[in-house]
Amino acid sequence: MRRLSTHLVALASIPVAALAGCGGEHQMTERDIRERFAIALRDGAASGMTEVSAKSIDPETLDLIDVRVYDGSHIMHADRAEILISPDGRTVSLRLHGVVGANTEEGRLMELPGFTTDPVKLPRRLVSSDPSSS
């Protein structure tokens, strides 16, 4: 399980580059960050050996639907993934639901009801959510 956790840290860190922008202290709302993460992962993103994509984004919750992850030794699918922003607005992680997968090197299958990636530090400052998003 720890090995799986190590591999999935990259899953949350992939879209962080999408938030880096052109420099400066640009402030973003929680919804801005969640939307950029969702779009980056839906369109397919890669970092090192880890590739992630999603079939769609729920427009209300910004959850990712039908998420696929491949990291060279694991092939995984999650029915849904929530983008979680820490209460202090400094980190992001993903909570995957309905995870199934296989370790291609060892030939093992796995099924997990849920899994949350380790948090990844955000490169931009988060401001309060928009009043319209409440």
C-alpha atoms as a PDB file:
ATOM      1  CA  MET A   1       0.000   0.000   0.000  1.00  0.00           C
ATOM      2  CA  ARG A   2       2.853   2.434   0.769  1.00  0.00           C
ATOM      3  CA  ARG A   3       4.324   1.833  -2.693  1.00  0.00           C
ATOM      4  CA  LEU A   4       0.972   2.749  -4.216  1.00  0.00           C
ATOM      5  CA  SER A   5       0.900   5.929  -2.121  1.00  0.00           C
ATOM      6  CA  THR A   6       4.344   6.931  -3.369  1.00  0.00           C
ATOM      7  CA  HIS A   7       3.302   6.482  -6.988  1.00  0.00           C
ATOM      8  CA  LEU A   8       0.089   8.443  -6.542  1.00  0.00           C
ATOM      9  CA  VAL A   9       1.790  11.522  -5.077  1.00  0.00           C
ATOM     10  CA  ALA A  10       2.622  12.356  -8.688  1.00  0.00           C
ATOM     11  CA  LEU A  11      -1.080  12.242  -9.512  1.00  0.00           C
ATOM     12  CA  ALA A  12      -1.835  15.364  -7.482  1.00  0.00           C
ATOM     13  CA  SER A  13       1.396  17.118  -8.445  1.00  0.00           C
ATOM     14  CA  ILE A  14       0.915  16.922 -12.221  1.00  0.00           C
ATOM     15  CA  PRO A  15      -1.487  19.881 -12.565  1.00  0.00           C
ATOM     16  CA  VAL A  16       0.499  22.110 -10.179  1.00  0.00           C
ATOM     17  CA  ALA A  17       2.456  23.318 -13.221  1.00  0.00           C
ATOM     18  CA  ALA A  18      -0.821  24.548 -14.710  1.00  0.00           C
ATOM     19  CA  LEU A  19      -1.151  26.932 -11.769  1.00  0.00           C
ATOM     20  CA  ALA A  20       2.375  28.353 -11.976  1.00  0.00           C
ATOM     21  CA  GLY A  21       1.487  30.938 -14.623  1.00  0.00           C
ATOM     22  CA  CYS A  22       3.734  33.793 -15.628  1.00  0.00           C
ATOM     23  CA  GLY A  23       5.040  34.706 -12.187  1.00  0.00           C
ATOM     24  CA  GLY A  24       3.930  37.309  -9.708  1.00  0.00           C
ATOM     25  CA  GLU A  25       1.649  36.832  -6.730  1.00  0.00           C
ATOM     26  CA  HIS A  26      -1.579  36.059  -8.571  1.00  0.00           C
ATOM     27  CA  GLN A  27      -4.407  35.155  -6.212  1.00  0.00           C
ATOM     28  CA  MET A  28      -6.880  32.415  -7.049  1.00  0.00           C
ATOM     29  CA  THR A  29     -10.107  31.234  -5.464  1.00  0.00           C
ATOM     30  CA  GLU A  30     -10.590  27.614  -4.444  1.00  0.00           C
ATOM     31  CA  ARG A  31     -12.900  27.139  -7.422  1.00  0.00           C
ATOM     32  CA  ASP A  32     -10.238  28.598  -9.794  1.00  0.00           C
ATOM     33  CA  ILE A  33      -7.710  26.055  -8.559  1.00  0.00           C
ATOM     34  CA  ARG A  34     -10.129  23.136  -8.693  1.00  0.00           C
ATOM     35  CA  GLU A  35     -11.218  24.105 -12.210  1.00  0.00           C
ATOM     36  CA  ARG A  36      -7.636  24.363 -13.526  1.00  0.00           C
ATOM     37  CA  PHE A  37      -6.714  21.030 -11.946  1.00  0.00           C
ATOM     38  CA  ALA A  38      -9.813  19.377 -13.391  1.00  0.00           C
ATOM     39  CA  ILE A  39      -9.153  20.689 -16.909  1.00  0.00           C
ATOM     40  CA  ALA A  40      -5.465  19.734 -16.806  1.00  0.00           C
ATOM     41  CA  LEU A  41      -6.280  16.175 -15.756  1.00  0.00           C
ATOM     42  CA  ARG A  42      -9.257  15.775 -18.078  1.00  0.00           C
ATOM     43  CA  ASP A  43      -7.127  16.775 -21.041  1.00  0.00           C
ATOM     44  CA  GLY A  44      -4.436  14.290 -20.016  1.00  0.00           C
ATOM     45  CA  ALA A  45      -1.313  15.191 -18.100  1.00  0.00           C
ATOM     46  CA  ALA A  46       2.020  13.504 -17.482  1.00  0.00           C
ATOM     47  CA  SER A  47       4.875  13.876 -15.042  1.00  0.00           C
ATOM     48  CA  GLY A  48       7.802  11.517 -15.423  1.00  0.00           C
ATOM     49  CA  MET A  49       6.316   8.065 -15.919  1.00  0.00           C
ATOM     50  CA  THR A  50       2.851   8.936 -14.562  1.00  0.00           C
ATOM     51  CA  GLU A  51       0.066   9.684 -17.031  1.00  0.00           C
ATOM     52  CA  VAL A  52      -3.406  10.761 -15.899  1.00  0.00           C
ATOM     53  CA  SER A  53      -6.586  11.522 -17.799  1.00  0.00           C
ATOM     54  CA  ALA A  54     -10.316  11.701 -17.133  1.00  0.00           C
ATOM     55  CA  LYS A  55     -13.295  11.273 -19.406  1.00  0.00           C
ATOM     56  CA  SER A  56     -15.200  14.294 -18.089  1.00  0.00           C
ATOM     57  CA  ILE A  57     -15.688  16.875 -15.341  1.00  0.00           C
ATOM     58  CA  ASP A  58     -18.849  17.258 -13.292  1.00  0.00           C
ATOM     59  CA  PRO A  59     -19.750  20.932 -13.955  1.00  0.00           C
ATOM     60  CA  GLU A  60     -21.315  21.429 -10.510  1.00  0.00           C
ATOM     61  CA  THR A  61     -18.709  19.803  -8.250  1.00  0.00           C
ATOM     62  CA  LEU A  62     -15.681  19.895 -10.592  1.00  0.00           C
ATOM     63  CA  ASP A  63     -15.072  16.231  -9.719  1.00  0.00           C
ATOM     64  CA  LEU A  64     -13.263  14.191 -12.347  1.00  0.00           C
ATOM     65  CA  ILE A  65     -15.254  11.305 -13.824  1.00  0.00           C
ATOM     66  CA  ASP A  66     -13.782   8.040 -15.186  1.00  0.00           C
ATOM     67  CA  VAL A  67     -10.162   8.724 -14.145  1.00  0.00           C
ATOM     68  CA  ARG A  68      -7.331   6.661 -15.634  1.00  0.00           C
ATOM     69  CA  VAL A  69      -3.786   6.493 -14.226  1.00  0.00           C
ATOM     70  CA  TYR A  70      -0.727   4.716 -15.616  1.00  0.00           C
ATOM     71  CA  ASP A  71       2.696   4.981 -14.018  1.00  0.00           C
ATOM     72  CA  GLY A  72       4.727   2.304 -15.737  1.00  0.00           C
ATOM     73  CA  SER A  73       3.986  -0.436 -13.191  1.00  0.00           C
ATOM     74  CA  HIS A  74       0.383   0.341 -12.152  1.00  0.00           C
ATOM     75  CA  ILE A  75      -2.719   0.736 -14.275  1.00  0.00           C
ATOM     76  CA  MET A  76      -5.616   2.223 -12.309  1.00  0.00           C
ATOM     77  CA  HIS A  77      -9.134   3.451 -12.809  1.00  0.00           C
ATOM     78  CA  ALA A  78     -11.270   5.505 -10.418  1.00  0.00           C
ATOM     79  CA  ASP A  79     -14.957   6.122 -10.930  1.00  0.00           C
ATOM     80  CA  ARG A  80     -14.567   9.642  -9.558  1.00  0.00           C
ATOM     81  CA  ALA A  81     -11.899  11.912  -8.072  1.00  0.00           C
ATOM     82  CA  GLU A  82     -12.496  14.926  -5.837  1.00  0.00           C
ATOM     83  CA  ILE A  83      -9.987  17.778  -5.865  1.00  0.00           C
ATOM     84  CA  LEU A  84      -9.347  18.693  -2.229  1.00  0.00           C
ATOM     85  CA  ILE A  85      -7.916  22.061  -1.180  1.00  0.00           C
ATOM     86  CA  SER A  86      -6.570  22.290   2.385  1.00  0.00           C
ATOM     87  CA  PRO A  87      -8.407  24.636   4.780  1.00  0.00           C
ATOM     88  CA  ASP A  88      -5.426  27.016   4.762  1.00  0.00           C
ATOM     89  CA  GLY A  89      -5.408  26.999   0.934  1.00  0.00           C
ATOM     90  CA  ARG A  90      -1.776  25.940   0.671  1.00  0.00           C
ATOM     91  CA  THR A  91      -2.028  22.323  -0.552  1.00  0.00           C
ATOM     92  CA  VAL A  92      -4.085  20.181  -2.903  1.00  0.00           C
ATOM     93  CA  SER A  93      -4.738  16.452  -3.026  1.00  0.00           C
ATOM     94  CA  LEU A  94      -7.067  14.063  -4.816  1.00  0.00           C
ATOM     95  CA  ARG A  95      -9.590  11.721  -3.211  1.00  0.00           C
ATOM     96  CA  LEU A  96     -10.284   8.854  -5.590  1.00  0.00           C
ATOM     97  CA  HIS A  97     -13.464   6.769  -5.282  1.00  0.00           C
ATOM     98  CA  GLY A  98     -14.068   3.286  -6.669  1.00  0.00           C
ATOM     99  CA  VAL A  99     -10.437   2.446  -7.467  1.00  0.00           C
ATOM    100  CA  VAL A 100      -9.485  -0.720  -9.340  1.00  0.00           C
ATOM    101  CA  GLY A 101      -6.118  -1.502 -10.821  1.00  0.00           C
ATOM    102  CA  ALA A 102      -3.296  -3.855 -11.542  1.00  0.00           C
ATOM    103  CA  ASN A 103       0.417  -3.998 -10.904  1.00  0.00           C
ATOM    104  CA  THR A 104       1.791  -4.922 -14.337  1.00  0.00           C
ATOM    105  CA  GLU A 105       5.172  -6.080 -12.976  1.00  0.00           C
ATOM    106  CA  GLU A 106       3.782  -8.450 -10.341  1.00  0.00           C
ATOM    107  CA  GLY A 107       0.463  -9.318 -11.975  1.00  0.00           C
ATOM    108  CA  ARG A 108      -1.540  -8.345  -8.869  1.00  0.00           C
ATOM    109  CA  LEU A 109      -5.062  -6.927  -9.026  1.00  0.00           C
ATOM    110  CA  MET A 110      -6.393  -4.472  -6.439  1.00  0.00           C
ATOM    111  CA  GLU A 111      -9.680  -2.873  -5.512  1.00  0.00           C
ATOM    112  CA  LEU A 112     -10.040   0.014  -3.052  1.00  0.00           C
ATOM    113  CA  PRO A 113     -13.241   1.833  -2.094  1.00  0.00           C
ATOM    114  CA  GLY A 114     -11.243   5.052  -1.894  1.00  0.00           C
ATOM    115  CA  PHE A 115      -7.790   6.555  -1.725  1.00  0.00           C
ATOM    116  CA  THR A 116      -6.470  10.054  -0.992  1.00  0.00           C
ATOM    117  CA  THR A 117      -3.140  11.194  -2.407  1.00  0.00           C
ATOM    118  CA  ASP A 118      -0.556  12.956  -0.263  1.00  0.00           C
ATOM    119  CA  PRO A 119      -0.976  16.762  -0.346  1.00  0.00           C
ATOM    120  CA  VAL A 120       1.075  18.821  -2.799  1.00  0.00           C
ATOM    121  CA  LYS A 121       2.019  22.439  -2.105  1.00  0.00           C
ATOM    122  CA  LEU A 122       0.297  25.030  -4.291  1.00  0.00           C
ATOM    123  CA  PRO A 123       2.481  27.603  -6.087  1.00  0.00           C
ATOM    124  CA  ARG A 124      -0.114  30.363  -5.807  1.00  0.00           C
ATOM    125  CA  ARG A 125      -1.888  32.070  -2.972  1.00  0.00           C
ATOM    126  CA  LEU A 126      -5.512  31.124  -2.423  1.00  0.00           C
ATOM    127  CA  VAL A 127      -8.115  33.744  -1.558  1.00  0.00           C
ATOM    128  CA  SER A 128     -11.611  33.163  -0.194  1.00  0.00           C
ATOM    129  CA  SER A 129     -14.042  31.385  -2.482  1.00  0.00           C
ATOM    130  CA  ASP A 130     -16.331  33.447  -4.652  1.00  0.00           C
ATOM    131  CA  PRO A 131     -19.666  34.237  -2.951  1.00  0.00           C
ATOM    132  CA  SER A 132     -21.384  32.802  -6.027  1.00  0.00           C
ATOM    133  CA  SER A 133     -19.766  29.383  -5.460  1.00  0.00           C
ATOM    134  CA  SER A 134     -21.366  28.854  -2.035  1.00  0.00           C
END
